[in-house]
């Protein structure tokens, strides 16, 4: 029973070849290309994810280091004698000198600490003097010291970070009596810092700095890109000791845009090639199937056109040329076979006509023979009556043309009748011996196939002998072959041919038997004559055919 998928398999060879091209060549190639691009894209994504995380970690470390530098700068400022001199003895120097000393001290720190240039510093003393570094904004001393950040400072807490994480408020005190002498505000410009650092990195990511209320403190990119979006590699890093979170976003389109374009171009190229090769495959398949279709039509015309058809082989090459030549050769062989069959049929009809013509005399002879038999029987001439009975059997067998093959036992009965007549004719000069297995009696043999051979033994070997003539018939089975030997101890064929013929009738018995064997068995039967030291052996080999009698079935 055919499986369900056989319903989807094309029936025509050309369509099958085209489907095989699609399933076995095009589809695997396309799948392999897609897999390769996906694999490359996955590897690049993994590598960029690693590098993006490394850069985010570097940015995080930079931010934490800068915050630490801000605190260390406060500590060193509180311990600096130059700073204390400016705040404790401002009357010893003019305002320009005081500002220059503080500016010089801060410039010196910028050479020690990295990225200090991104920190804006404002300092106010208890006398209303304000000193600025790295900022141009105007500052009112009274409002400055009243900012909310300084309100969080106490004797036990000299520093306080704003929740935004970018501003540190601190108070400078004397080392002796812990008396406040100045108020320090250091504000980190995170946005400028992020922008400056990101420009020197390999991957151009977007960085966002957020506080615990999810408010953006600083950014290098678009605010709309902050939420999780497809097409970005995102990392979130918390800054220990702060309430800040650093978010990095790597836009994949910026790096995978060319890859996607290349992927689409490659797939488009494969698709175009597939179409081209598909057309070529279809044309090639059609070129193959076209002569096959022509051959199919010619084969269907063989009978209707009585084998008068052929394929023009000259227009084909290779295997198709061989196929066309083979078909034309087959048609020619069939034409010859049909002609041979017609010839044999005509021969059969001619033979049958001759037999019908000749049946008139045997019927008359048979009726006459019966009359003679009853006449001699009435006169008690039993020997002549037996001869008439034997001859009658032979005539009846020759008249009965319904069957070409008879049982071996019936053939042997006819042979014994013929032998009885010949022995009477030659005054009992011959001895007949028949050797066969009882199991072979129902083997089918050609009718009157042994009688011509016995006649040949008498005519060519024994009729010239006065006494001692012997004819031996041996019948046995050799595998799938039945063998019948008729052997005599006469003078032999060569010696007989040198003597004058006693009969003027032309001998046609053996030749007729050979032709009958050819018609019945084709090449499966043979008749051969074997010359012995004394006499001749005629051997018939034919297919072993056994027919069980109807009464035993």
Foldseek 3Di string as FASTA:
>chain_A
DDDPCVVVQDDDQLVNLLVCCVPVPLVVVLVVLVVVLVVVVVVVVVVVLVQLVVVLVVLLVLLLQVVVLVVVVVVVLLVDPLNCCCLVPVVVDDPVVSLVSVQVVVVVSPVVGDPLLQKWKWKAFPVFDIHTDNDDDDDGSVVVCVDPQVVPDDLVRFWDADQLRFKIKGFRAHPPPRHTTMIMIIGGPVQVVVVVVLVPDPANKKKFKAFLVRDTSYIDDDPVPPDDDPQWNKDWADNPPHRMIMIIIGRNCVVCVVVVVVSVVVSVVSVVVSVVVSVVSSVVSCVVCVLVVVVVVQVVCCVVVVLPDARPLVVDDDPSSVVRVVSNVVSVVVVVVVVVVVVVVVVVVVVVVVLVVVLVVLVVVLVVLVVVLVVVVVVVPVLSNLLSVLVNLVSVLSNPPPDQKFFQLSQVSNVVSLVSNVCVVLVNQEAEAEAEDPVRRQWIDGHPLVVLVVVVCCQQFNVVPNHDKYWYWYWYDDPQKTKIKIWIQGAENVVSVVDDGPDPDDDCSVVVSQVVLCVPANPQKDWDWDTDPGTIMIMIIHGTGGDDDPVVD
